[in-house]
């Protein structure tokens, strides 16, 4: 069972999101919060698999809550949910360590898929947002490619294999089956890869894999 904390300052919106999530029998919403501060407290208390956070809430907003959760309860994956798609929100959500970013106006099935994906150790961006992440990386394209290739060169052959599959959106379990490894070994590889690449999360690692040419399409 995937245990979820849900935070949104609008009660009716929370009810709708909860209804979508719990339509999947494998997902349980264990607590709800109306602001970011309460969300962080609930995550610390309940240690859920996933925290789904509205990006704009009064007081402590979703981005600040995400940063607090990623720092204090790193085993809880964070999914940001918003009606906005500004690049600054996307970049900041990824910078603080969020594993997923979804639009409230998207297909409800994306929400369930996103929660399942991050709970299994993968990263998830809605298709519209994934395209924007790649299109708005900033800087000179050739310089980014050269830098990415240089950073990837520090990895071992096996680590590059894991990174390639991670970049393609596979979860730890899927990578383990693909490479005939146990899932715990894959988790260790992923942790090492993130440290060696100097990135905070799987999405950032996937972007590097894309820029270095390890995968053919945007994560």
N, C-alpha and C. Protein backbone atom coordinates (compact mmCIF):
# COMPACT_ATOMS: atom_id res chain seq x y z
N UNK A 1 0.84 -1.20 0.00
CA UNK A 1 0.00 0.00 0.00
C UNK A 1 0.88 1.25 0.00
N UNK A 2 0.62 2.18 -0.91
CA UNK A 2 1.35 3.44 -0.97
C UNK A 2 0.66 4.45 -0.07
N UNK A 3 1.37 4.94 0.93
CA UNK A 3 0.81 5.88 1.91
C UNK A 3 1.15 7.31 1.49
N UNK A 4 0.12 8.16 1.47
CA UNK A 4 0.27 9.51 0.93
C UNK A 4 -0.20 10.56 1.93
N UNK A 5 0.55 11.65 2.02
CA UNK A 5 0.11 12.87 2.71
C UNK A 5 -0.27 13.86 1.62
N UNK A 6 -1.41 14.52 1.78
CA UNK A 6 -1.91 15.46 0.79
C UNK A 6 -2.03 16.85 1.41
N UNK A 7 -1.50 17.86 0.72
CA UNK A 7 -1.57 19.23 1.24
C UNK A 7 -2.08 20.19 0.18
N UNK A 8 -3.19 20.88 0.49
CA UNK A 8 -3.76 21.92 -0.36
C UNK A 8 -4.60 22.81 0.53
N UNK A 9 -4.56 24.12 0.32
CA UNK A 9 -5.28 25.01 1.22
C UNK A 9 -6.78 25.07 0.93
N UNK A 10 -7.24 24.47 -0.17
CA UNK A 10 -8.66 24.46 -0.50
C UNK A 10 -9.25 23.08 -0.21
N UNK A 11 -10.20 23.04 0.72
CA UNK A 11 -10.76 21.77 1.17
C UNK A 11 -11.42 20.99 0.03
N UNK A 12 -12.11 21.68 -0.86
CA UNK A 12 -12.78 20.99 -1.95
C UNK A 12 -11.78 20.41 -2.94
N UNK A 13 -10.70 21.13 -3.15
CA UNK A 13 -9.65 20.62 -4.04
C UNK A 13 -9.01 19.39 -3.41
N UNK A 14 -8.73 19.45 -2.11
CA UNK A 14 -8.17 18.29 -1.41
C UNK A 14 -9.08 17.08 -1.57
N UNK A 15 -10.39 17.31 -1.42
CA UNK A 15 -11.34 16.20 -1.54
C UNK A 15 -11.30 15.59 -2.93
N UNK A 16 -11.18 16.43 -3.94
CA UNK A 16 -11.13 15.92 -5.30
C UNK A 16 -9.86 15.13 -5.57
N UNK A 17 -8.72 15.66 -5.10
CA UNK A 17 -7.44 14.96 -5.29
C UNK A 17 -7.45 13.64 -4.52
N UNK A 18 -7.98 13.69 -3.30
CA UNK A 18 -8.06 12.46 -2.51
C UNK A 18 -8.92 11.42 -3.21
N UNK A 19 -10.02 11.86 -3.79
CA UNK A 19 -10.89 10.92 -4.51
C UNK A 19 -10.18 10.26 -5.68
N UNK A 20 -9.38 11.05 -6.41
CA UNK A 20 -8.64 10.49 -7.54
C UNK A 20 -7.62 9.47 -7.05
N UNK A 21 -6.88 9.84 -6.01
CA UNK A 21 -5.83 8.94 -5.53
C UNK A 21 -6.40 7.64 -4.96
N UNK A 22 -7.44 7.77 -4.15
CA UNK A 22 -7.99 6.58 -3.50
C UNK A 22 -8.85 5.74 -4.43
N UNK A 23 -9.06 6.21 -5.66
CA UNK A 23 -9.72 5.34 -6.65
C UNK A 23 -8.82 4.18 -7.02
N UNK A 24 -7.53 4.33 -6.73
CA UNK A 24 -6.58 3.23 -6.89
C UNK A 24 -6.52 2.48 -5.57
N UNK A 25 -6.88 1.20 -5.55
CA UNK A 25 -6.91 0.46 -4.29
C UNK A 25 -5.55 0.30 -3.63
N UNK A 26 -4.48 0.64 -4.36
CA UNK A 26 -3.15 0.51 -3.80
C UNK A 26 -2.62 1.79 -3.18
N UNK A 27 -3.47 2.83 -3.13
CA UNK A 27 -3.05 4.12 -2.57
C UNK A 27 -3.95 4.50 -1.40
N UNK A 28 -3.34 4.93 -0.31
CA UNK A 28 -4.08 5.36 0.88
C UNK A 28 -3.62 6.77 1.28
N UNK A 29 -4.57 7.70 1.43
CA UNK A 29 -4.25 9.03 1.94
C UNK A 29 -4.34 8.97 3.46
N UNK A 30 -3.20 9.05 4.13
CA UNK A 30 -3.17 8.83 5.57
C UNK A 30 -3.42 10.11 6.37
N UNK A 31 -3.21 11.28 5.73
CA UNK A 31 -3.46 12.54 6.43
C UNK A 31 -3.52 13.67 5.41
N UNK A 32 -4.20 14.77 5.80
CA UNK A 32 -4.33 15.93 4.92
C UNK A 32 -3.92 17.18 5.66
N UNK A 33 -3.35 18.13 4.92
CA UNK A 33 -2.91 19.39 5.50
C UNK A 33 -3.45 20.57 4.69
N UNK A 34 -3.64 21.70 5.36
CA UNK A 34 -4.13 22.89 4.69
C UNK A 34 -3.06 23.92 4.39
N UNK A 35 -1.82 23.64 4.86
CA UNK A 35 -0.70 24.55 4.57
C UNK A 35 0.61 23.78 4.63
N UNK A 36 1.68 24.42 4.20
CA UNK A 36 2.96 23.74 4.10
C UNK A 36 3.55 23.34 5.44
N UNK A 37 3.39 24.20 6.44
CA UNK A 37 3.95 23.88 7.75
C UNK A 37 3.31 22.61 8.32
N UNK A 38 2.00 22.53 8.21
CA UNK A 38 1.29 21.35 8.70
C UNK A 38 1.70 20.12 7.90
N UNK A 39 1.93 20.30 6.59
CA UNK A 39 2.34 19.18 5.75
C UNK A 39 3.66 18.59 6.22
N UNK A 40 4.63 19.46 6.53
CA UNK A 40 5.93 18.98 7.01
C UNK A 40 5.76 18.23 8.32
N UNK A 41 4.95 18.78 9.23
CA UNK A 41 4.73 18.13 10.53
C UNK A 41 4.09 16.76 10.35
N UNK A 42 3.12 16.66 9.43
CA UNK A 42 2.45 15.37 9.20
C UNK A 42 3.39 14.35 8.57
N UNK A 43 4.25 14.82 7.69
CA UNK A 43 5.21 13.90 7.07
C UNK A 43 6.18 13.37 8.12
N UNK A 44 6.64 14.23 9.00
CA UNK A 44 7.54 13.79 10.07
C UNK A 44 6.84 12.79 10.97
N UNK A 45 5.56 13.02 11.24
CA UNK A 45 4.81 12.14 12.14
C UNK A 45 4.46 10.80 11.50
N UNK A 46 4.05 10.82 10.22
CA UNK A 46 3.54 9.62 9.57
C UNK A 46 4.55 8.89 8.69
N UNK A 47 5.61 9.57 8.26
CA UNK A 47 6.62 8.98 7.38
C UNK A 47 5.98 8.28 6.17
N UNK A 48 5.18 9.02 5.37
CA UNK A 48 4.51 8.40 4.22
C UNK A 48 5.49 8.10 3.10
N UNK A 49 5.02 7.36 2.11
CA UNK A 49 5.84 7.09 0.93
C UNK A 49 5.93 8.32 0.04
N UNK A 50 4.82 9.07 -0.04
CA UNK A 50 4.73 10.21 -0.96
C UNK A 50 4.01 11.37 -0.28
N UNK A 51 4.49 12.58 -0.55
CA UNK A 51 3.78 13.80 -0.14
C UNK A 51 3.37 14.53 -1.41
N UNK A 52 2.07 14.79 -1.57
CA UNK A 52 1.55 15.53 -2.71
C UNK A 52 1.23 16.94 -2.23
N UNK A 53 1.92 17.93 -2.76
CA UNK A 53 1.84 19.29 -2.25
C UNK A 53 1.38 20.28 -3.31
N UNK A 54 0.40 21.10 -2.95
CA UNK A 54 0.03 22.22 -3.79
C UNK A 54 1.18 23.23 -3.74
N UNK A 55 1.54 23.80 -4.85
CA UNK A 55 2.71 24.67 -4.87
C UNK A 55 2.44 26.03 -4.24
N UNK A 56 1.18 26.48 -4.27
CA UNK A 56 0.83 27.77 -3.69
C UNK A 56 -0.14 27.59 -2.53
N UNK A 57 0.34 27.86 -1.33
CA UNK A 57 -0.50 27.81 -0.14
C UNK A 57 -0.12 29.01 0.73
N UNK A 58 -1.06 29.51 1.53
CA UNK A 58 -0.74 30.64 2.39
C UNK A 58 0.27 30.25 3.45
N UNK A 59 1.03 31.24 3.92
CA UNK A 59 2.05 30.96 4.92
C UNK A 59 3.20 30.22 4.29
N UNK A 60 3.50 29.04 4.80
CA UNK A 60 4.56 28.20 4.23
C UNK A 60 4.00 27.52 2.98
N UNK A 61 4.51 27.87 1.83
CA UNK A 61 4.01 27.32 0.58
C UNK A 61 4.55 25.95 0.27
N UNK A 62 4.13 25.42 -0.87
CA UNK A 62 4.52 24.07 -1.24
C UNK A 62 6.00 23.90 -1.49
N UNK A 63 6.65 24.90 -2.10
CA UNK A 63 8.08 24.78 -2.37
C UNK A 63 8.89 24.74 -1.08
N UNK A 64 8.54 25.61 -0.13
CA UNK A 64 9.24 25.60 1.16
C UNK A 64 8.98 24.28 1.90
N UNK A 65 7.75 23.79 1.82
CA UNK A 65 7.42 22.51 2.46
C UNK A 65 8.20 21.38 1.81
N UNK A 66 8.31 21.41 0.49
CA UNK A 66 9.07 20.37 -0.23
C UNK A 66 10.52 20.37 0.22
N UNK A 67 11.10 21.56 0.35
CA UNK A 67 12.49 21.65 0.79
C UNK A 67 12.65 21.07 2.19
N UNK A 68 11.70 21.39 3.08
CA UNK A 68 11.76 20.87 4.44
C UNK A 68 11.62 19.36 4.49
N UNK A 69 10.71 18.83 3.68
CA UNK A 69 10.49 17.37 3.66
C UNK A 69 11.71 16.65 3.09
N UNK A 70 12.24 17.16 1.99
CA UNK A 70 13.39 16.51 1.36
C UNK A 70 14.61 16.52 2.28
N UNK A 71 14.72 17.55 3.09
CA UNK A 71 15.85 17.65 4.01
C UNK A 71 15.65 16.79 5.25
N UNK A 72 14.44 16.80 5.81
CA UNK A 72 14.20 16.15 7.10
C UNK A 72 13.69 14.73 6.98
N UNK A 73 12.97 14.42 5.89
CA UNK A 73 12.46 13.05 5.69
C UNK A 73 12.74 12.65 4.23
N UNK A 74 14.01 12.46 3.89
CA UNK A 74 14.37 12.23 2.48
C UNK A 74 13.77 10.96 1.88
N UNK A 75 13.34 10.04 2.74
CA UNK A 75 12.75 8.80 2.21
C UNK A 75 11.33 9.02 1.66
N UNK A 76 10.72 10.16 1.98
CA UNK A 76 9.40 10.50 1.43
C UNK A 76 9.58 11.24 0.12
N UNK A 77 9.03 10.69 -0.96
CA UNK A 77 9.11 11.34 -2.27
C UNK A 77 8.09 12.48 -2.33
N UNK A 78 8.44 13.55 -3.00
CA UNK A 78 7.57 14.73 -3.07
C UNK A 78 7.08 14.95 -4.49
N UNK A 79 5.77 15.12 -4.62
CA UNK A 79 5.14 15.46 -5.90
C UNK A 79 4.51 16.84 -5.77
N UNK A 80 4.88 17.75 -6.64
CA UNK A 80 4.31 19.10 -6.64
C UNK A 80 3.12 19.13 -7.58
N UNK A 81 2.05 19.75 -7.11
CA UNK A 81 0.81 19.82 -7.89
C UNK A 81 0.38 21.29 -7.99
N UNK A 82 0.15 21.77 -9.21
CA UNK A 82 -0.14 23.18 -9.38
C UNK A 82 -0.99 23.45 -10.61
N UNK A 83 -1.63 24.61 -10.62
CA UNK A 83 -2.34 25.06 -11.82
C UNK A 83 -1.42 25.90 -12.68
N UNK A 84 -0.23 26.15 -12.20
CA UNK A 84 0.71 27.01 -12.91
C UNK A 84 1.83 26.18 -13.53
N UNK A 85 2.36 26.68 -14.64
CA UNK A 85 3.45 25.94 -15.31
C UNK A 85 4.64 26.84 -15.58
N UNK A 86 4.78 27.95 -14.79
CA UNK A 86 5.91 28.83 -14.98
C UNK A 86 7.23 28.10 -14.75
N UNK A 87 8.21 28.44 -15.59
CA UNK A 87 9.50 27.76 -15.52
C UNK A 87 10.17 27.92 -14.16
N UNK A 88 9.96 29.07 -13.51
CA UNK A 88 10.62 29.29 -12.23
C UNK A 88 10.13 28.29 -11.19
N UNK A 89 8.84 27.95 -11.22
CA UNK A 89 8.31 26.96 -10.29
C UNK A 89 8.90 25.58 -10.57
N UNK A 90 8.97 25.24 -11.84
CA UNK A 90 9.52 23.94 -12.22
C UNK A 90 10.96 23.82 -11.74
N UNK A 91 11.76 24.83 -12.07
CA UNK A 91 13.18 24.81 -11.71
C UNK A 91 13.37 24.73 -10.20
N UNK A 92 12.60 25.52 -9.45
CA UNK A 92 12.74 25.53 -8.00
C UNK A 92 12.30 24.21 -7.38
N UNK A 93 11.22 23.64 -7.89
CA UNK A 93 10.74 22.35 -7.37
C UNK A 93 11.79 21.27 -7.56
N UNK A 94 12.44 21.26 -8.71
CA UNK A 94 13.48 20.27 -8.96
C UNK A 94 14.72 20.55 -8.11
N UNK A 95 15.02 21.85 -7.93
CA UNK A 95 16.21 22.22 -7.16
C UNK A 95 16.11 21.75 -5.71
N UNK A 96 14.92 21.88 -5.11
CA UNK A 96 14.79 21.49 -3.70
C UNK A 96 14.68 19.99 -3.51
N UNK A 97 14.50 19.25 -4.60
CA UNK A 97 14.50 17.79 -4.49
C UNK A 97 13.20 17.08 -4.77
N UNK A 98 12.21 17.78 -5.34
CA UNK A 98 10.95 17.12 -5.67
C UNK A 98 11.17 16.05 -6.73
N UNK A 99 10.44 14.96 -6.62
CA UNK A 99 10.58 13.85 -7.57
C UNK A 99 9.55 13.90 -8.69
N UNK A 100 8.49 14.70 -8.49
CA UNK A 100 7.44 14.76 -9.50
C UNK A 100 6.83 16.15 -9.57
N UNK A 101 6.30 16.50 -10.73
CA UNK A 101 5.70 17.81 -10.92
C UNK A 101 4.54 17.64 -11.89
N UNK A 102 3.31 17.92 -11.42
CA UNK A 102 2.12 17.68 -12.21
C UNK A 102 1.22 18.90 -12.25
N UNK A 103 0.50 19.07 -13.33
CA UNK A 103 -0.46 20.16 -13.47
C UNK A 103 -1.83 19.69 -13.01
N UNK A 104 -2.53 20.53 -12.23
CA UNK A 104 -3.87 20.18 -11.79
C UNK A 104 -4.83 20.04 -12.97
N UNK A 105 -4.51 20.71 -14.05
CA UNK A 105 -5.37 20.65 -15.23
C UNK A 105 -5.09 19.41 -16.09
N UNK A 106 -4.16 18.58 -15.65
CA UNK A 106 -3.81 17.39 -16.42
C UNK A 106 -4.80 16.26 -16.24
N UNK A 107 -4.55 15.18 -16.94
CA UNK A 107 -5.36 13.97 -16.85
C UNK A 107 -5.27 13.40 -15.44
N UNK A 108 -6.39 13.11 -14.78
CA UNK A 108 -6.34 12.51 -13.44
C UNK A 108 -5.49 11.25 -13.37
N UNK A 109 -5.42 10.52 -14.47
CA UNK A 109 -4.61 9.30 -14.49
C UNK A 109 -3.13 9.62 -14.31
N UNK A 110 -2.72 10.84 -14.72
CA UNK A 110 -1.33 11.24 -14.52
C UNK A 110 -1.00 11.35 -13.04
N UNK A 111 -1.95 11.82 -12.24
CA UNK A 111 -1.73 11.95 -10.81
C UNK A 111 -1.45 10.59 -10.18
N UNK A 112 -2.28 9.62 -10.50
CA UNK A 112 -2.09 8.27 -9.96
C UNK A 112 -0.77 7.70 -10.46
N UNK A 113 -0.49 7.86 -11.75
CA UNK A 113 0.74 7.34 -12.32
C UNK A 113 1.95 8.00 -11.68
N UNK A 114 1.86 9.32 -11.46
CA UNK A 114 2.97 10.03 -10.86
C UNK A 114 3.26 9.58 -9.44
N UNK A 115 2.21 9.41 -8.64
CA UNK A 115 2.39 8.96 -7.26
C UNK A 115 2.97 7.55 -7.24
N UNK A 116 2.47 6.69 -8.09
CA UNK A 116 3.00 5.32 -8.15
C UNK A 116 4.47 5.33 -8.57
N UNK A 117 4.80 6.16 -9.55
CA UNK A 117 6.17 6.20 -10.06
C UNK A 117 7.16 6.64 -8.99
N UNK A 118 6.86 7.75 -8.30
CA UNK A 118 7.82 8.24 -7.31
C UNK A 118 7.88 7.31 -6.10
N UNK A 119 6.77 6.65 -5.78
CA UNK A 119 6.78 5.69 -4.66
C UNK A 119 7.68 4.51 -4.96
N UNK A 120 7.82 4.19 -6.24
CA UNK A 120 8.67 3.07 -6.65
C UNK A 120 10.11 3.49 -6.91
N UNK A 121 10.41 4.76 -6.62
CA UNK A 121 11.79 5.22 -6.76
C UNK A 121 12.10 5.91 -8.07
N UNK A 122 11.11 6.11 -8.93
CA UNK A 122 11.33 6.79 -10.20
C UNK A 122 11.03 8.28 -10.04
N UNK A 123 11.26 9.03 -11.10
CA UNK A 123 10.87 10.44 -11.14
C UNK A 123 9.71 10.57 -12.12
N UNK A 124 8.89 11.61 -11.95
CA UNK A 124 7.75 11.76 -12.86
C UNK A 124 7.44 13.22 -13.09
N UNK A 125 7.46 13.62 -14.34
CA UNK A 125 6.99 14.93 -14.76
C UNK A 125 5.92 14.72 -15.81
N UNK A 126 4.85 15.50 -15.71
CA UNK A 126 3.82 15.38 -16.74
C UNK A 126 4.46 15.70 -18.09
N UNK A 127 3.96 15.12 -19.17
CA UNK A 127 4.57 15.33 -20.49
C UNK A 127 4.77 16.80 -20.85
N UNK A 128 3.81 17.67 -20.54
CA UNK A 128 3.95 19.09 -20.85
C UNK A 128 5.12 19.71 -20.11
N UNK A 129 5.29 19.31 -18.86
CA UNK A 129 6.36 19.89 -18.05
C UNK A 129 7.70 19.33 -18.46
N UNK A 130 7.78 18.04 -18.79
CA UNK A 130 9.04 17.45 -19.24
C UNK A 130 9.59 18.19 -20.44
N UNK A 131 8.71 18.53 -21.37
CA UNK A 131 9.14 19.26 -22.56
C UNK A 131 9.69 20.63 -22.18
N UNK A 132 9.06 21.30 -21.21
CA UNK A 132 9.50 22.64 -20.80
C UNK A 132 10.83 22.57 -20.07
N UNK A 133 11.06 21.52 -19.29
CA UNK A 133 12.33 21.39 -18.58
C UNK A 133 13.48 21.34 -19.57
N UNK A 134 13.34 20.54 -20.60
CA UNK A 134 14.40 20.43 -21.60
C UNK A 134 14.53 21.71 -22.42
N UNK A 135 13.41 22.32 -22.74
CA UNK A 135 13.45 23.51 -23.60
C UNK A 135 13.98 24.74 -22.88
N UNK A 136 13.99 24.73 -21.55
CA UNK A 136 14.35 25.93 -20.80
C UNK A 136 15.50 25.69 -19.83
N UNK A 137 16.45 24.86 -20.23
CA UNK A 137 17.58 24.59 -19.36
C UNK A 137 18.52 25.78 -19.24
N UNK A 138 18.52 26.61 -20.24
CA UNK A 138 19.37 27.79 -20.21
C UNK A 138 20.79 27.49 -20.61
N UNK A 139 21.50 28.53 -21.04
CA UNK A 139 22.90 28.36 -21.41
C UNK A 139 23.07 27.84 -22.82
N UNK A 140 24.31 27.76 -23.25
CA UNK A 140 24.63 27.29 -24.59
C UNK A 140 24.47 25.77 -24.67
N UNK A 141 23.78 25.32 -25.71
CA UNK A 141 23.49 23.89 -25.84
C UNK A 141 24.76 23.06 -25.93
N UNK A 142 25.70 23.47 -26.76
CA UNK A 142 26.93 22.69 -26.92
C UNK A 142 27.72 22.67 -25.61
N UNK A 143 27.71 23.78 -24.89
CA UNK A 143 28.42 23.82 -23.61
C UNK A 143 27.78 22.85 -22.61
N UNK A 144 26.44 22.78 -22.61
CA UNK A 144 25.75 21.85 -21.71
C UNK A 144 26.07 20.41 -22.07
N UNK A 145 26.11 20.13 -23.36
CA UNK A 145 26.42 18.76 -23.80
C UNK A 145 27.83 18.37 -23.37
N UNK A 146 28.78 19.27 -23.60
CA UNK A 146 30.17 18.99 -23.23
C UNK A 146 30.30 18.78 -21.73
N UNK A 147 29.64 19.63 -20.96
CA UNK A 147 29.69 19.51 -19.50
C UNK A 147 29.06 18.20 -19.04
N UNK A 148 27.93 17.84 -19.63
CA UNK A 148 27.24 16.59 -19.25
C UNK A 148 28.11 15.38 -19.56
N UNK A 149 28.72 15.36 -20.73
CA UNK A 149 29.58 14.23 -21.11
C UNK A 149 30.75 14.12 -20.14
N UNK A 150 31.32 15.25 -19.77
CA UNK A 150 32.45 15.25 -18.83
C UNK A 150 32.03 14.71 -17.47
N UNK A 151 30.85 15.10 -17.00
CA UNK A 151 30.39 14.62 -15.70
C UNK A 151 30.04 13.14 -15.74
N UNK A 152 29.45 12.69 -16.82
CA UNK A 152 29.10 11.28 -16.96
C UNK A 152 30.34 10.40 -17.02
N UNK A 153 31.44 10.94 -17.53
CA UNK A 153 32.67 10.15 -17.71
C UNK A 153 33.23 9.65 -16.38
N UNK A 154 32.81 10.27 -15.27
CA UNK A 154 33.30 9.84 -13.96
C UNK A 154 32.64 8.55 -13.48
N UNK A 155 31.58 8.11 -14.18
CA UNK A 155 30.85 6.91 -13.77
C UNK A 155 31.48 5.65 -14.33
N UNK A 156 31.27 4.55 -13.62
CA UNK A 156 31.71 3.25 -14.12
C UNK A 156 30.73 2.78 -15.20
N UNK A 157 31.09 1.72 -15.90
CA UNK A 157 30.22 1.19 -16.93
C UNK A 157 28.86 0.79 -16.39
N UNK A 158 28.85 0.11 -15.25
CA UNK A 158 27.58 -0.32 -14.65
C UNK A 158 26.75 0.88 -14.22
N UNK A 159 27.41 1.89 -13.65
CA UNK A 159 26.68 3.09 -13.23
C UNK A 159 26.07 3.80 -14.43
N UNK A 160 26.75 3.79 -15.56
CA UNK A 160 26.20 4.39 -16.77
C UNK A 160 24.97 3.62 -17.24
N UNK A 161 25.01 2.29 -17.10
CA UNK A 161 23.85 1.48 -17.47
C UNK A 161 22.66 1.83 -16.59
N UNK A 162 22.91 1.95 -15.29
CA UNK A 162 21.82 2.30 -14.36
C UNK A 162 21.29 3.69 -14.68
N UNK A 163 22.19 4.64 -14.95
CA UNK A 163 21.78 6.00 -15.27
C UNK A 163 20.94 6.04 -16.54
N UNK A 164 21.31 5.27 -17.53
CA UNK A 164 20.56 5.23 -18.78
C UNK A 164 19.12 4.78 -18.55
N UNK A 165 18.96 3.73 -17.76
CA UNK A 165 17.62 3.23 -17.47
C UNK A 165 16.85 4.19 -16.57
N UNK A 166 17.56 4.80 -15.61
CA UNK A 166 16.94 5.81 -14.75
C UNK A 166 16.44 6.97 -15.60
N UNK A 167 17.28 7.39 -16.56
CA UNK A 167 16.91 8.49 -17.43
C UNK A 167 15.72 8.18 -18.30
N UNK A 168 15.53 6.91 -18.61
CA UNK A 168 14.39 6.48 -19.41
C UNK A 168 13.11 6.37 -18.59
N UNK A 169 13.21 6.69 -17.28
CA UNK A 169 12.02 6.72 -16.43
C UNK A 169 11.73 5.43 -15.69
N UNK A 170 12.68 4.50 -15.68
CA UNK A 170 12.42 3.23 -14.99
C UNK A 170 12.62 3.37 -13.49
N UNK A 171 11.82 2.62 -12.73
CA UNK A 171 11.94 2.60 -11.28
C UNK A 171 13.10 1.70 -10.88
N UNK A 172 13.45 1.71 -9.60
CA UNK A 172 14.53 0.84 -9.12
C UNK A 172 14.23 -0.63 -9.39
N UNK A 173 12.97 -1.01 -9.18
CA UNK A 173 12.59 -2.40 -9.42
C UNK A 173 12.74 -2.79 -10.88
N UNK A 174 12.33 -1.91 -11.78
CA UNK A 174 12.45 -2.18 -13.21
C UNK A 174 13.90 -2.26 -13.64
N UNK A 175 14.73 -1.37 -13.09
CA UNK A 175 16.16 -1.40 -13.41
C UNK A 175 16.77 -2.70 -12.91
N UNK A 176 16.38 -3.11 -11.71
CA UNK A 176 16.91 -4.36 -11.14
C UNK A 176 16.58 -5.55 -12.04
N UNK A 177 15.35 -5.61 -12.53
CA UNK A 177 14.96 -6.72 -13.40
C UNK A 177 15.71 -6.66 -14.73
N UNK A 178 15.89 -5.47 -15.26
CA UNK A 178 16.56 -5.30 -16.55
C UNK A 178 18.03 -5.73 -16.47
N UNK A 179 18.69 -5.41 -15.35
CA UNK A 179 20.12 -5.68 -15.22
C UNK A 179 20.42 -6.91 -14.36
N UNK A 180 19.37 -7.64 -13.97
CA UNK A 180 19.52 -8.85 -13.16
C UNK A 180 20.26 -8.56 -11.85
N UNK A 181 19.80 -7.50 -11.18
CA UNK A 181 20.35 -7.11 -9.89
C UNK A 181 19.24 -7.14 -8.84
N UNK A 182 19.61 -7.13 -7.57
CA UNK A 182 18.61 -7.00 -6.52
C UNK A 182 18.31 -5.50 -6.36
N UNK A 183 17.10 -5.17 -5.92
CA UNK A 183 16.69 -3.78 -5.86
C UNK A 183 17.55 -2.96 -4.91
N UNK A 184 18.00 -3.57 -3.82
CA UNK A 184 18.86 -2.86 -2.88
C UNK A 184 20.16 -2.42 -3.53
N UNK A 185 20.69 -3.25 -4.41
CA UNK A 185 21.93 -2.90 -5.13
C UNK A 185 21.68 -1.71 -6.05
N UNK A 186 20.53 -1.70 -6.71
CA UNK A 186 20.19 -0.59 -7.60
C UNK A 186 20.08 0.71 -6.79
N UNK A 187 19.46 0.65 -5.63
CA UNK A 187 19.34 1.84 -4.78
C UNK A 187 20.72 2.39 -4.43
N UNK A 188 21.66 1.48 -4.14
CA UNK A 188 23.02 1.91 -3.83
C UNK A 188 23.68 2.57 -5.04
N UNK A 189 23.46 1.97 -6.21
CA UNK A 189 24.00 2.56 -7.44
C UNK A 189 23.44 3.95 -7.67
N UNK A 190 22.13 4.10 -7.51
CA UNK A 190 21.49 5.39 -7.74
C UNK A 190 22.04 6.44 -6.79
N UNK A 191 22.19 6.09 -5.52
CA UNK A 191 22.74 7.03 -4.55
C UNK A 191 24.15 7.46 -4.94
N UNK A 192 24.96 6.49 -5.36
CA UNK A 192 26.34 6.80 -5.78
C UNK A 192 26.35 7.69 -7.01
N UNK A 193 25.46 7.39 -7.96
CA UNK A 193 25.38 8.18 -9.19
C UNK A 193 25.01 9.63 -8.89
N UNK A 194 24.01 9.83 -8.05
CA UNK A 194 23.59 11.19 -7.71
C UNK A 194 24.74 11.96 -7.06
N UNK A 195 25.49 11.28 -6.16
CA UNK A 195 26.61 11.93 -5.49
C UNK A 195 27.72 12.27 -6.47
N UNK A 196 28.05 11.35 -7.36
CA UNK A 196 29.14 11.59 -8.31
C UNK A 196 28.80 12.66 -9.33
N UNK A 197 27.54 12.73 -9.70
CA UNK A 197 27.12 13.74 -10.67
C UNK A 197 26.86 15.09 -10.02
N UNK A 198 26.75 15.11 -8.69
CA UNK A 198 26.49 16.35 -7.99
C UNK A 198 25.07 16.86 -8.19
N UNK A 199 24.11 15.94 -8.29
CA UNK A 199 22.71 16.33 -8.47
C UNK A 199 21.90 15.85 -7.28
N UNK A 200 20.72 16.47 -7.08
CA UNK A 200 19.93 16.19 -5.90
C UNK A 200 18.87 15.12 -6.12
N UNK A 201 18.45 14.92 -7.35
CA UNK A 201 17.37 13.98 -7.57
C UNK A 201 17.47 13.32 -8.93
N UNK A 202 16.55 12.38 -9.17
CA UNK A 202 16.60 11.57 -10.38
C UNK A 202 16.27 12.38 -11.63
N UNK A 203 15.43 13.41 -11.49
CA UNK A 203 15.11 14.22 -12.66
C UNK A 203 16.36 14.94 -13.16
N UNK A 204 17.12 15.53 -12.24
CA UNK A 204 18.35 16.21 -12.64
C UNK A 204 19.33 15.23 -13.27
N UNK A 205 19.41 14.03 -12.72
CA UNK A 205 20.29 13.02 -13.30
C UNK A 205 19.81 12.62 -14.69
N UNK A 206 18.50 12.51 -14.86
CA UNK A 206 17.93 12.16 -16.17
C UNK A 206 18.23 13.23 -17.21
N UNK A 207 18.17 14.49 -16.80
CA UNK A 207 18.49 15.59 -17.72
C UNK A 207 19.94 15.48 -18.18
N UNK A 208 20.84 15.19 -17.25
CA UNK A 208 22.25 15.00 -17.63
C UNK A 208 22.42 13.83 -18.59
N UNK A 209 21.70 12.75 -18.33
CA UNK A 209 21.79 11.58 -19.22
C UNK A 209 21.31 11.94 -20.62
N UNK A 210 20.27 12.75 -20.69
CA UNK A 210 19.74 13.19 -21.98
C UNK A 210 20.74 14.07 -22.70
N UNK A 211 21.31 15.03 -21.98
CA UNK A 211 22.27 15.95 -22.60
C UNK A 211 23.55 15.23 -23.03
N UNK A 212 23.92 14.19 -22.30
CA UNK A 212 25.14 13.44 -22.64
C UNK A 212 24.90 12.43 -23.74
N UNK A 213 23.65 12.28 -24.18
CA UNK A 213 23.35 11.37 -25.27
C UNK A 213 23.10 9.93 -24.87
N UNK A 214 22.92 9.69 -23.57
CA UNK A 214 22.68 8.31 -23.11
C UNK A 214 21.27 7.86 -23.44
N UNK A 215 20.33 8.81 -23.51
CA UNK A 215 18.96 8.48 -23.89
C UNK A 215 18.53 9.38 -25.05
N UNK A 216 17.56 8.91 -25.83
CA UNK A 216 17.20 9.58 -27.07
C UNK A 216 16.13 10.66 -26.92
N UNK A 217 15.36 10.62 -25.82
CA UNK A 217 14.26 11.58 -25.69
C UNK A 217 14.28 12.19 -24.30
N UNK A 218 13.60 13.33 -24.18
CA UNK A 218 13.58 14.05 -22.91
C UNK A 218 12.95 13.21 -21.82
N UNK A 219 13.49 13.30 -20.57
CA UNK A 219 12.93 12.54 -19.45
C UNK A 219 11.56 13.06 -19.08
